[in-house]
PDB file of N, CA and C in Angstrom:
ATOM      1  N   MET A   1     165.443  77.061 112.494  1.00  0.00           N
ATOM      2  CA  MET A   1     164.243  76.364 112.133  1.00  0.00           C
ATOM      3  C   MET A   1     163.033  77.279 112.247  1.00  0.00           C
ATOM      4  N   THR A   2     162.114  77.073 111.343  1.00  0.00           N
ATOM      5  CA  THR A   2     160.909  77.861 111.352  1.00  0.00           C
ATOM      6  C   THR A   2     159.752  77.013 111.834  1.00  0.00           C
ATOM      7  N   SER A   3     159.023  77.542 112.766  1.00  0.00           N
ATOM      8  CA  SER A   3     157.840  76.855 113.273  1.00  0.00           C
ATOM      9  C   SER A   3     156.681  77.141 112.324  1.00  0.00           C
ATOM     10  N   SER A   4     155.986  76.110 111.860  1.00  0.00           N
ATOM     11  CA  SER A   4     154.885  76.329 110.911  1.00  0.00           C
ATOM     12  C   SER A   4     153.587  75.802 111.493  1.00  0.00           C
ATOM     13  N   ARG A   5     152.976  76.582 112.304  1.00  0.00           N
ATOM     14  CA  ARG A   5     151.663  76.177 112.799  1.00  0.00           C
ATOM     15  C   ARG A   5     150.600  76.943 112.013  1.00  0.00           C
ATOM     16  N   LEU A   6     149.506  76.307 111.754  1.00  0.00           N
ATOM     17  CA  LEU A   6     148.443  76.872 110.940  1.00  0.00           C
ATOM     18  C   LEU A   6     147.668  77.914 111.731  1.00  0.00           C
ATOM     19  N   VAL A   7     147.615  79.120 111.217  1.00  0.00           N
ATOM     20  CA  VAL A   7     146.895  80.200 111.871  1.00  0.00           C
ATOM     21  C   VAL A   7     145.544  80.413 111.201  1.00  0.00           C
ATOM     22  N   TYR A   8     145.520  80.400 109.877  1.00  0.00           N
ATOM     23  CA  TYR A   8     144.292  80.649 109.134  1.00  0.00           C
ATOM     24  C   TYR A   8     144.306  79.776 107.889  1.00  0.00           C
ATOM     25  N   SER A   9     143.178  79.198 107.586  1.00  0.00           N
ATOM     26  CA  SER A   9     143.088  78.346 106.415  1.00  0.00           C
ATOM     27  C   SER A   9     141.974  78.838 105.503  1.00  0.00           C
ATOM     28  N   THR A  10     142.247  78.821 104.214  1.00  0.00           N
ATOM     29  CA  THR A  10     141.219  79.182 103.245  1.00  0.00           C
ATOM     30  C   THR A  10     140.626  77.944 102.598  1.00  0.00           C
ATOM     31  N   GLY A  11     140.707  76.837 103.289  1.00  0.00           N
ATOM     32  CA  GLY A  11     140.154  75.582 102.778  1.00  0.00           C
ATOM     33  C   GLY A  11     138.656  75.674 102.593  1.00  0.00           C
ATOM     34  N   GLY A  12     138.109  74.770 101.814  1.00  0.00           N
ATOM     35  CA  GLY A  12     136.699  74.803 101.472  1.00  0.00           C
ATOM     36  C   GLY A  12     135.770  74.232 102.529  1.00  0.00           C
ATOM     37  N   ASP A  13     136.248  73.953 103.703  1.00  0.00           N
ATOM     38  CA  ASP A  13     135.414  73.347 104.735  1.00  0.00           C
ATOM     39  C   ASP A  13     134.326  74.279 105.249  1.00  0.00           C
ATOM     40  N   ASN A  14     134.543  75.575 105.185  1.00  0.00           N
ATOM     41  CA  ASN A  14     133.570  76.514 105.735  1.00  0.00           C
ATOM     42  C   ASN A  14     132.810  77.270 104.646  1.00  0.00           C
ATOM     43  N   ASN A  15     132.615  76.637 103.485  1.00  0.00           N
ATOM     44  CA  ASN A  15     131.876  77.278 102.394  1.00  0.00           C
ATOM     45  C   ASN A  15     130.483  76.694 102.282  1.00  0.00           C
ATOM     46  N   CYS A  16     129.548  77.516 101.858  1.00  0.00           N
ATOM     47  CA  CYS A  16     128.171  77.086 101.651  1.00  0.00           C
ATOM     48  C   CYS A  16     128.115  76.159 100.438  1.00  0.00           C
ATOM     49  N   PRO A  17     127.437  75.022 100.529  1.00  0.00           N
ATOM     50  CA  PRO A  17     127.354  74.117  99.378  1.00  0.00           C
ATOM     51  C   PRO A  17     126.491  74.662  98.249  1.00  0.00           C
ATOM     52  N   ASP A  18     125.591  75.614  98.540  1.00  0.00           N
ATOM     53  CA  ASP A  18     124.704  76.158  97.508  1.00  0.00           C
ATOM     54  C   ASP A  18     125.355  77.271  96.703  1.00  0.00           C
ATOM     55  N   CYS A  19     125.867  78.299  97.392  1.00  0.00           N
ATOM     56  CA  CYS A  19     126.389  79.467  96.677  1.00  0.00           C
ATOM     57  C   CYS A  19     127.913  79.493  96.610  1.00  0.00           C
ATOM     58  N   GLY A  20     128.604  78.706  97.449  1.00  0.00           N
ATOM     59  CA  GLY A  20     130.058  78.659  97.431  1.00  0.00           C
ATOM     60  C   GLY A  20     130.745  79.741  98.241  1.00  0.00           C
ATOM     61  N   LYS A  21     129.975  80.649  98.837  1.00  0.00           N
ATOM     62  CA  LYS A  21     130.558  81.706  99.651  1.00  0.00           C
ATOM     63  C   LYS A  21     130.911  81.158 101.034  1.00  0.00           C
ATOM     64  N   ALA A  22     131.728  81.928 101.749  1.00  0.00           N
ATOM     65  CA  ALA A  22     132.043  81.561 103.122  1.00  0.00           C
ATOM     66  C   ALA A  22     130.759  81.592 103.950  1.00  0.00           C
ATOM     67  N   LEU A  23     130.654  80.704 104.923  1.00  0.00           N
ATOM     68  CA  LEU A  23     129.417  80.585 105.694  1.00  0.00           C
ATOM     69  C   LEU A  23     129.022  81.888 106.378  1.00  0.00           C
ATOM     70  N   HIS A  24     129.984  82.679 106.822  1.00  0.00           N
ATOM     71  CA  HIS A  24     129.625  83.934 107.493  1.00  0.00           C
ATOM     72  C   HIS A  24     129.133  84.990 106.504  1.00  0.00           C
ATOM     73  N   LYS A  25     129.386  84.812 105.196  1.00  0.00           N
ATOM     74  CA  LYS A  25     128.887  85.741 104.177  1.00  0.00           C
ATOM     75  C   LYS A  25     127.661  85.204 103.443  1.00  0.00           C
ATOM     76  N   CYS A  26     127.347  83.956 103.635  1.00  0.00           N
ATOM     77  CA  CYS A  26     126.250  83.301 102.909  1.00  0.00           C
ATOM     78  C   CYS A  26     124.897  83.825 103.382  1.00  0.00           C
ATOM     79  N   ARG A  27     123.995  84.055 102.433  1.00  0.00           N
ATOM     80  CA  ARG A  27     122.644  84.527 102.744  1.00  0.00           C
ATOM     81  C   ARG A  27     121.589  83.530 102.264  1.00  0.00           C
ATOM     82  N   CYS A  28     121.984  82.334 101.908  1.00  0.00           N
ATOM     83  CA  CYS A  28     121.047  81.338 101.377  1.00  0.00           C
ATOM     84  C   CYS A  28     119.951  80.982 102.381  1.00  0.00           C
ATOM     85  N   GLN A  29     120.315  80.758 103.625  1.00  0.00           N
ATOM     86  CA  GLN A  29     119.326  80.393 104.638  1.00  0.00           C
ATOM     87  C   GLN A  29     118.365  81.531 104.916  1.00  0.00           C
ATOM     88  N   GLN A  30     118.862  82.774 104.891  1.00  0.00           N
ATOM     89  CA  GLN A  30     117.989  83.918 105.144  1.00  0.00           C
ATOM     90  C   GLN A  30     116.996  84.108 104.020  1.00  0.00           C
ATOM     91  N   THR A  31     117.423  83.952 102.767  1.00  0.00           N
ATOM     92  CA  THR A  31     116.496  84.113 101.654  1.00  0.00           C
ATOM     93  C   THR A  31     115.526  82.943 101.577  1.00  0.00           C
ATOM     94  N   ALA A  32     115.970  81.761 101.979  1.00  0.00           N
ATOM     95  CA  ALA A  32     115.063  80.607 101.956  1.00  0.00           C
ATOM     96  C   ALA A  32     113.960  80.764 102.990  1.00  0.00           C
ATOM     97  N   SER A  33     114.273  81.384 104.116  1.00  0.00           N
ATOM     98  CA  SER A  33     113.248  81.560 105.144  1.00  0.00           C
ATOM     99  C   SER A  33     112.299  82.706 104.805  1.00  0.00           C
ATOM    100  N   LYS A  34     112.705  83.628 103.911  1.00  0.00           N
ATOM    101  CA  LYS A  34     111.856  84.758 103.555  1.00  0.00           C
ATOM    102  C   LYS A  34     110.831  84.428 102.477  1.00  0.00           C
ATOM    103  N   THR A  35     111.018  83.322 101.762  1.00  0.00           N
ATOM    104  CA  THR A  35     110.102  83.010 100.670  1.00  0.00           C
ATOM    105  C   THR A  35     108.735  82.655 101.227  1.00  0.00           C
ATOM    106  N   ASN A  36     107.692  82.998 100.446  1.00  0.00           N
ATOM    107  CA  ASN A  36     106.331  82.702 100.862  1.00  0.00           C
ATOM    108  C   ASN A  36     106.067  81.223 100.702  1.00  0.00           C
ATOM    109  N   SER A  37     105.672  80.589 101.760  1.00  0.00           N
ATOM    110  CA  SER A  37     105.343  79.181 101.679  1.00  0.00           C
ATOM    111  C   SER A  37     103.840  78.984 101.613  1.00  0.00           C
ATOM    112  N   ASP A  38     103.065  80.074 101.605  1.00  0.00           N
ATOM    113  CA  ASP A  38     101.617  79.954 101.591  1.00  0.00           C
ATOM    114  C   ASP A  38     101.048  79.911 100.178  1.00  0.00           C
ATOM    115  N   GLY A  39     101.885  80.041  99.143  1.00  0.00           N
ATOM    116  CA  GLY A  39     101.429  79.925  97.768  1.00  0.00           C
ATOM    117  C   GLY A  39     100.716  81.147  97.223  1.00  0.00           C
ATOM    118  N   VAL A  40     100.859  82.274  97.878  1.00  0.00           N
ATOM    119  CA  VAL A  40     100.199  83.500  97.439  1.00  0.00           C
ATOM    120  C   VAL A  40     101.243  84.432  96.832  1.00  0.00           C
ATOM    121  N   VAL A  41     100.944  84.948  95.650  1.00  0.00           N
ATOM    122  CA  VAL A  41     101.809  85.939  95.013  1.00  0.00           C
ATOM    123  C   VAL A  41     101.371  87.306  95.513  1.00  0.00           C
ATOM    124  N   ARG A  42     102.329  88.097  95.988  1.00  0.00           N
ATOM    125  CA  ARG A  42     102.003  89.410  96.525  1.00  0.00           C
ATOM    126  C   ARG A  42     102.564  90.502  95.631  1.00  0.00           C
ATOM    127  N   LEU A  43     101.739  91.497  95.369  1.00  0.00           N
ATOM    128  CA  LEU A  43     102.129  92.663  94.586  1.00  0.00           C
ATOM    129  C   LEU A  43     102.146  93.862  95.517  1.00  0.00           C
ATOM    130  N   GLN A  44     103.286  94.527  95.601  1.00  0.00           N
ATOM    131  CA  GLN A  44     103.421  95.637  96.529  1.00  0.00           C
ATOM    132  C   GLN A  44     104.027  96.836  95.808  1.00  0.00           C
ATOM    133  N   LEU A  45     103.532  98.011  96.113  1.00  0.00           N
ATOM    134  CA  LEU A  45     104.060  99.242  95.555  1.00  0.00           C
ATOM    135  C   LEU A  45     105.051  99.841  96.540  1.00  0.00           C
ATOM    136  N   GLU A  46     106.265 100.127  96.067  1.00  0.00           N
ATOM    137  CA  GLU A  46     107.289 100.722  96.923  1.00  0.00           C
ATOM    138  C   GLU A  46     107.788 102.013  96.300  1.00  0.00           C
ATOM    139  N   ARG A  47     108.112 102.970  97.167  1.00  0.00           N
ATOM    140  CA  ARG A  47     108.664 104.251  96.724  1.00  0.00           C
ATOM    141  C   ARG A  47     109.959 104.589  97.450  1.00  0.00           C
ATOM    142  N   LYS A  48     110.174 103.998  98.597  1.00  0.00           N
ATOM    143  CA  LYS A  48     111.312 104.361  99.439  1.00  0.00           C
ATOM    144  C   LYS A  48     112.641 103.958  98.799  1.00  0.00           C
ATOM    145  N   GLY A  49     113.613 104.869  98.891  1.00  0.00           N
ATOM    146  CA  GLY A  49     114.955 104.590  98.406  1.00  0.00           C
ATOM    147  C   GLY A  49     115.085 104.624  96.898  1.00  0.00           C
ATOM    148  N   ARG A  50     114.095 105.151  96.206  1.00  0.00           N
ATOM    149  CA  ARG A  50     114.121 105.166  94.747  1.00  0.00           C
ATOM    150  C   ARG A  50     113.896 106.579  94.194  1.00  0.00           C
ATOM    151  N   GLY A  51     114.174 107.572  94.966  1.00  0.00           N
ATOM    152  CA  GLY A  51     114.030 108.952  94.514  1.00  0.00           C
ATOM    153  C   GLY A  51     112.591 109.336  94.226  1.00  0.00           C
ATOM    154  N   GLY A  52     111.627 108.744  94.914  1.00  0.00           N
ATOM    155  CA  GLY A  52     110.224 109.059  94.722  1.00  0.00           C
ATOM    156  C   GLY A  52     109.561 108.297  93.593  1.00  0.00           C
ATOM    157  N   LYS A  53     110.332 107.496  92.859  1.00  0.00           N
ATOM    158  CA  LYS A  53     109.770 106.720  91.761  1.00  0.00           C
ATOM    159  C   LYS A  53     109.063 105.482  92.307  1.00  0.00           C
ATOM    160  N   GLN A  54     107.988 105.075  91.635  1.00  0.00           N
ATOM    161  CA  GLN A  54     107.211 103.923  92.072  1.00  0.00           C
ATOM    162  C   GLN A  54     107.736 102.644  91.427  1.00  0.00           C
ATOM    163  N   VAL A  55     107.755 101.567  92.209  1.00  0.00           N
ATOM    164  CA  VAL A  55     108.178 100.257  91.732  1.00  0.00           C
ATOM    165  C   VAL A  55     107.192  99.227  92.254  1.00  0.00           C
ATOM    166  N   THR A  56     106.692  98.368  91.367  1.00  0.00           N
ATOM    167  CA  THR A  56     105.835  97.266  91.769  1.00  0.00           C
ATOM    168  C   THR A  56     106.722  96.064  92.051  1.00  0.00           C
ATOM    169  N   VAL A  57     106.657  95.542  93.271  1.00  0.00           N
ATOM    170  CA  VAL A  57     107.478  94.411  93.686  1.00  0.00           C
ATOM    171  C   VAL A  57     106.596  93.167  93.719  1.00  0.00           C
ATOM    172  N   ILE A  58     107.040  92.112  93.047  1.00  0.00           N
ATOM    173  CA  ILE A  58     106.300  90.856  92.964  1.00  0.00           C
ATOM    174  C   ILE A  58     107.071  89.807  93.754  1.00  0.00           C
ATOM    175  N   THR A  59     106.436  89.262  94.788  1.00  0.00           N
ATOM    176  CA  THR A  59     107.053  88.204  95.590  1.00  0.00           C
ATOM    177  C   THR A  59     106.127  86.995  95.625  1.00  0.00           C
ATOM    178  N   GLY A  60     106.708  85.848  95.934  1.00  0.00           N
ATOM    179  CA  GLY A  60     105.908  84.634  96.074  1.00  0.00           C
ATOM    180  C   GLY A  60     105.908  83.751  94.853  1.00  0.00           C
ATOM    181  N   LEU A  61     106.563  84.164  93.780  1.00  0.00           N
ATOM    182  CA  LEU A  61     106.698  83.299  92.611  1.00  0.00           C
ATOM    183  C   LEU A  61     107.926  82.423  92.832  1.00  0.00           C
ATOM    184  N   ASN A  62     107.727  81.135  92.906  1.00  0.00           N
ATOM    185  CA  ASN A  62     108.845  80.216  93.118  1.00  0.00           C
ATOM    186  C   ASN A  62     109.224  79.601  91.786  1.00  0.00           C
ATOM    187  N   PHE A  63     110.445  79.905  91.306  1.00  0.00           N
ATOM    188  CA  PHE A  63     110.888  79.391  90.034  1.00  0.00           C
ATOM    189  C   PHE A  63     112.401  79.357  89.972  1.00  0.00           C
ATOM    190  N   SER A  64     112.920  78.683  88.956  1.00  0.00           N
ATOM    191  CA  SER A  64     114.358  78.638  88.754  1.00  0.00           C
ATOM    192  C   SER A  64     114.817  79.950  88.115  1.00  0.00           C
ATOM    193  N   THR A  65     116.131  80.122  88.002  1.00  0.00           N
ATOM    194  CA  THR A  65     116.677  81.356  87.433  1.00  0.00           C
ATOM    195  C   THR A  65     116.256  81.533  85.984  1.00  0.00           C
ATOM    196  N   GLN A  66     116.235  80.455  85.191  1.00  0.00           N
ATOM    197  CA  GLN A  66     115.843  80.557  83.789  1.00  0.00           C
ATOM    198  C   GLN A  66     114.374  80.943  83.672  1.00  0.00           C
ATOM    199  N   ASN A  67     113.503  80.306  84.461  1.00  0.00           N
ATOM    200  CA  ASN A  67     112.087  80.666  84.451  1.00  0.00           C
ATOM    201  C   ASN A  67     111.874  82.095  84.925  1.00  0.00           C
ATOM    202  N   GLN A  68     112.692  82.530  85.856  1.00  0.00           N
ATOM    203  CA  GLN A  68     112.576  83.888  86.374  1.00  0.00           C
ATOM    204  C   GLN A  68     112.827  84.894  85.259  1.00  0.00           C
ATOM    205  N   LYS A  69     113.838  84.660  84.437  1.00  0.00           N
ATOM    206  CA  LYS A  69     114.153  85.575  83.342  1.00  0.00           C
ATOM    207  C   LYS A  69     113.036  85.581  82.299  1.00  0.00           C
ATOM    208  N   GLN A  70     112.498  84.415  81.982  1.00  0.00           N
ATOM    209  CA  GLN A  70     111.412  84.338  81.003  1.00  0.00           C
ATOM    210  C   GLN A  70     110.155  85.024  81.519  1.00  0.00           C
ATOM    211  N   THR A  71     109.825  84.788  82.789  1.00  0.00           N
ATOM    212  CA  THR A  71     108.651  85.414  83.392  1.00  0.00           C
ATOM    213  C   THR A  71     108.810  86.927  83.421  1.00  0.00           C
ATOM    214  N   LEU A  72     109.975  87.400  83.803  1.00  0.00           N
ATOM    215  CA  LEU A  72     110.234  88.832  83.835  1.00  0.00           C
ATOM    216  C   LEU A  72     110.079  89.448  82.451  1.00  0.00           C
ATOM    217  N   LYS A  73     110.587  88.771  81.432  1.00  0.00           N
ATOM    218  CA  LYS A  73     110.488  89.283  80.068  1.00  0.00           C
ATOM    219  C   LYS A  73     109.032  89.405  79.634  1.00  0.00           C
ATOM    220  N   ARG A  74     108.208  88.383  79.944  1.00  0.00           N
ATOM    221  CA  ARG A  74     106.786  88.429  79.583  1.00  0.00           C
ATOM    222  C   ARG A  74     106.058  89.548  80.313  1.00  0.00           C
ATOM    223  N   LEU A  75     106.336  89.703  81.618  1.00  0.00           N
ATOM    224  CA  LEU A  75     105.655  90.730  82.399  1.00  0.00           C
ATOM    225  C   LEU A  75     106.080  92.138  81.976  1.00  0.00           C
ATOM    226  N   LYS A  76     107.342  92.314  81.620  1.00  0.00           N
ATOM    227  CA  LYS A  76     107.796  93.618  81.141  1.00  0.00           C
ATOM    228  C   LYS A  76     107.113  93.972  79.826  1.00  0.00           C
ATOM    229  N   ALA A  77     106.959  92.990  78.944  1.00  0.00           N
ATOM    230  CA  ALA A  77     106.276  93.226  77.672  1.00  0.00           C
ATOM    231  C   ALA A  77     104.798  93.534  77.895  1.00  0.00           C
ATOM    232  N   LEU A  78     104.171  92.838  78.853  1.00  0.00           N
ATOM    233  CA  LEU A  78     102.764  93.069  79.172  1.00  0.00           C
ATOM    234  C   LEU A  78     102.542  94.498  79.656  1.00  0.00           C
ATOM    235  N   CYS A  79     103.425  94.972  80.517  1.00  0.00           N
ATOM    236  CA  CYS A  79     103.267  96.305  81.114  1.00  0.00           C
ATOM    237  C   CYS A  79     103.906  97.405  80.278  1.00  0.00           C
ATOM    238  N   GLY A  80     104.759  97.035  79.342  1.00  0.00           N
ATOM    239  CA  GLY A  80     105.435  98.044  78.527  1.00  0.00           C
ATOM    240  C   GLY A  80     106.399  98.881  79.333  1.00  0.00           C
ATOM    241  N   THR A  81     107.140  98.243  80.214  1.00  0.00           N
ATOM    242  CA  THR A  81     108.032  98.964  81.114  1.00  0.00           C
ATOM    243  C   THR A  81     109.274  98.137  81.384  1.00  0.00           C
ATOM    244  N   GLY A  82     110.201  98.706  82.122  1.00  0.00           N
ATOM    245  CA  GLY A  82     111.413  98.010  82.503  1.00  0.00           C
ATOM    246  C   GLY A  82     111.239  97.313  83.829  1.00  0.00           C
ATOM    247  N   GLY A  83     112.183  96.464  84.137  1.00  0.00           N
ATOM    248  CA  GLY A  83     112.132  95.754  85.401  1.00  0.00           C
ATOM    249  C   GLY A  83     113.406  94.980  85.633  1.00  0.00           C
ATOM    250  N   THR A  84     113.503  94.382  86.802  1.00  0.00           N
ATOM    251  CA  THR A  84     114.685  93.607  87.151  1.00  0.00           C
ATOM    252  C   THR A  84     114.294  92.448  88.054  1.00  0.00           C
ATOM    253  N   ALA A  85     115.172  91.451  88.100  1.00  0.00           N
ATOM    254  CA  ALA A  85     114.984  90.297  88.978  1.00  0.00           C
ATOM    255  C   ALA A  85     116.059  90.339  90.055  1.00  0.00           C
ATOM    256  N   LYS A  86     115.635  90.230  91.304  1.00  0.00           N
ATOM    257  CA  LYS A  86     116.557  90.208  92.429  1.00  0.00           C
ATOM    258  C   LYS A  86     116.214  89.018  93.303  1.00  0.00           C
ATOM    259  N   GLN A  87     117.082  88.018  93.322  1.00  0.00           N
ATOM    260  CA  GLN A  87     116.927  86.788  94.098  1.00  0.00           C
ATOM    261  C   GLN A  87     115.546  86.182  93.908  1.00  0.00           C
ATOM    262  N   ASP A  88     114.638  86.343  94.856  1.00  0.00           N
ATOM    263  CA  ASP A  88     113.336  85.676  94.771  1.00  0.00           C
ATOM    264  C   ASP A  88     112.198  86.655  94.515  1.00  0.00           C
ATOM    265  N   LEU A  89     112.513  87.846  93.991  1.00  0.00           N
ATOM    266  CA  LEU A  89     111.452  88.808  93.696  1.00  0.00           C
ATOM    267  C   LEU A  89     111.711  89.482  92.360  1.00  0.00           C
ATOM    268  N   LEU A  90     110.648  90.046  91.809  1.00  0.00           N
ATOM    269  CA  LEU A  90     110.726  90.804  90.564  1.00  0.00           C
ATOM    270  C   LEU A  90     110.315  92.233  90.848  1.00  0.00           C
ATOM    271  N   GLU A  91     110.978  93.187  90.210  1.00  0.00           N
ATOM    272  CA  GLU A  91     110.626  94.597  90.354  1.00  0.00           C
ATOM    273  C   GLU A  91     110.262  95.141  88.986  1.00  0.00           C
ATOM    274  N   MET A  92     109.109  95.803  88.911  1.00  0.00           N
ATOM    275  CA  MET A  92     108.640  96.423  87.679  1.00  0.00           C
ATOM    276  C   MET A  92     108.559  97.928  87.907  1.00  0.00           C
ATOM    277  N   GLN A  93     109.051  98.713  86.970  1.00  0.00           N
ATOM    278  CA  GLN A  93     109.014 100.166  87.107  1.00  0.00           C
ATOM    279  C   GLN A  93     107.589 100.665  86.930  1.00  0.00           C
ATOM    280  N   GLY A  94     107.120 101.439  87.890  1.00  0.00           N
ATOM    281  CA  GLY A  94     105.785 102.011  87.818  1.00  0.00           C
ATOM    282  C   GLY A  94     104.765 101.197  88.609  1.00  0.00           C
ATOM    283  N   ASP A  95     103.524 101.705  88.638  1.00  0.00           N
ATOM    284  CA  ASP A  95     102.433 101.055  89.366  1.00  0.00           C
ATOM    285  C   ASP A  95     101.608 100.232  88.369  1.00  0.00           C
ATOM    286  N   HIS A  96     101.845  98.929  88.359  1.00  0.00           N
ATOM    287  CA  HIS A  96     101.162  98.015  87.444  1.00  0.00           C
ATOM    288  C   HIS A  96     100.457  96.898  88.201  1.00  0.00           C
ATOM    289  N   ARG A  97     100.079  97.143  89.441  1.00  0.00           N
ATOM    290  CA  ARG A  97      99.514  96.085  90.280  1.00  0.00           C
ATOM    291  C   ARG A  97      98.227  95.511  89.707  1.00  0.00           C
ATOM    292  N   ASP A  98      97.316  96.349  89.222  1.00  0.00           N
ATOM    293  CA  ASP A  98      96.036  95.850  88.718  1.00  0.00           C
ATOM    294  C   ASP A  98      96.216  94.999  87.465  1.00  0.00           C
ATOM    295  N   LYS A  99      97.044  95.466  86.551  1.00  0.00           N
ATOM    296  CA  LYS A  99      97.293  94.728  85.311  1.00  0.00           C
ATOM    297  C   LYS A  99      97.984  93.388  85.603  1.00  0.00           C
ATOM    298  N   LEU A 100      98.970  93.413  86.513  1.00  0.00           N
ATOM    299  CA  LEU A 100      99.680  92.188  86.865  1.00  0.00           C
ATOM    300  C   LEU A 100      98.775  91.210  87.600  1.00  0.00           C
ATOM    301  N   LYS A 101      97.894  91.730  88.448  1.00  0.00           N
ATOM    302  CA  LYS A 101      96.975  90.860  89.179  1.00  0.00           C
ATOM    303  C   LYS A 101      96.077  90.107  88.208  1.00  0.00           C
ATOM    304  N   GLN A 102      95.503  90.794  87.239  1.00  0.00           N
ATOM    305  CA  GLN A 102      94.640  90.134  86.266  1.00  0.00           C
ATOM    306  C   GLN A 102      95.401  89.072  85.479  1.00  0.00           C
ATOM    307  N   HIS A 103      96.619  89.396  85.055  1.00  0.00           N
ATOM    308  CA  HIS A 103      97.407  88.452  84.263  1.00  0.00           C
ATOM    309  C   HIS A 103      97.799  87.219  85.077  1.00  0.00           C
ATOM    310  N   LEU A 104      98.273  87.436  86.312  1.00  0.00           N
ATOM    311  CA  LEU A 104      98.718  86.308  87.132  1.00  0.00           C
ATOM    312  C   LEU A 104      97.549  85.420  87.569  1.00  0.00           C
ATOM    313  N   GLU A 105      96.387  86.026  87.835  1.00  0.00           N
ATOM    314  CA  GLU A 105      95.218  85.219  88.175  1.00  0.00           C
ATOM    315  C   GLU A 105      94.773  84.382  86.980  1.00  0.00           C
ATOM    316  N   ALA A 106      94.905  84.904  85.778  1.00  0.00           N
ATOM    317  CA  ALA A 106      94.583  84.138  84.576  1.00  0.00           C
ATOM    318  C   ALA A 106      95.550  82.965  84.398  1.00  0.00           C
ATOM    319  N   GLN A 107      96.771  83.096  84.935  1.00  0.00           N
ATOM    320  CA  GLN A 107      97.757  82.023  84.876  1.00  0.00           C
ATOM    321  C   GLN A 107      97.538  80.981  85.977  1.00  0.00           C
ATOM    322  N   GLY A 108      96.603  81.242  86.898  1.00  0.00           N
ATOM    323  CA  GLY A 108      96.281  80.279  87.945  1.00  0.00           C
ATOM    324  C   GLY A 108      96.879  80.567  89.308  1.00  0.00           C
ATOM    325  N   TYR A 109      97.498  81.715  89.485  1.00  0.00           N
ATOM    326  CA  TYR A 109      98.085  82.076  90.775  1.00  0.00           C
ATOM    327  C   TYR A 109      97.040  82.736  91.668  1.00  0.00           C
ATOM    328  N   ARG A 110      97.200  82.573  92.982  1.00  0.00           N
ATOM    329  CA  ARG A 110      96.421  83.344  93.952  1.00  0.00           C
ATOM    330  C   ARG A 110      97.210  84.623  94.202  1.00  0.00           C
ATOM    331  N   VAL A 111      96.571  85.775  94.005  1.00  0.00           N
ATOM    332  CA  VAL A 111      97.284  87.053  94.053  1.00  0.00           C
ATOM    333  C   VAL A 111      96.646  87.961  95.085  1.00  0.00           C
ATOM    334  N   LYS A 112      97.503  88.632  95.862  1.00  0.00           N
ATOM    335  CA  LYS A 112      97.042  89.650  96.808  1.00  0.00           C
ATOM    336  C   LYS A 112      97.832  90.923  96.559  1.00  0.00           C
ATOM    337  N   ILE A 113      97.124  92.037  96.626  1.00  0.00           N
ATOM    338  CA  ILE A 113      97.782  93.334  96.545  1.00  0.00           C
ATOM    339  C   ILE A 113      98.034  93.804  97.967  1.00  0.00           C
ATOM    340  N   SER A 114      99.301  94.059  98.279  1.00  0.00           N
ATOM    341  CA  SER A 114      99.631  94.500  99.629  1.00  0.00           C
ATOM    342  C   SER A 114     100.329  95.843  99.559  1.00  0.00           C
ATOM    343  N   GLY A 115     100.342  96.550 100.655  1.00  0.00           N
ATOM    344  CA  GLY A 115     100.974  97.860 100.713  1.00  0.00           C
ATOM    345  C   GLY A 115     100.044  98.965 100.296  1.00  0.00           C
ATOM    346  N   ALA A 116     100.582 100.167 100.239  1.00  0.00           N
ATOM    347  CA  ALA A 116      99.768 101.342  99.933  1.00  0.00           C
ATOM    348  C   ALA A 116      99.590 101.561  98.463  1.00  0.00           C
TER     349      ALA A 116
END
């Protein structure tokens, strides 16, 4: 006779309801706590980890994934550059903080330029 006691289960009891990943791999709570709740859009210039290239990082825009793609497309066309969307932030290649600030303020957002 073979004894069959359960050692490990891959059942769905320990999965995140939002992303479907295992709870120990889920980052939903961490990203939710990092979002700006003060309603201010922040524009920051970053150079670290990018081979010395400048990237304008936009945080504080709260939108769905579809709106995020549309917003990114409009901002890339405005600046004439490339960019990407990562979770709750947008990255634009180059230093476009002044141009983005004027555009976002015209859209009704409160904008702050942070970083160097």
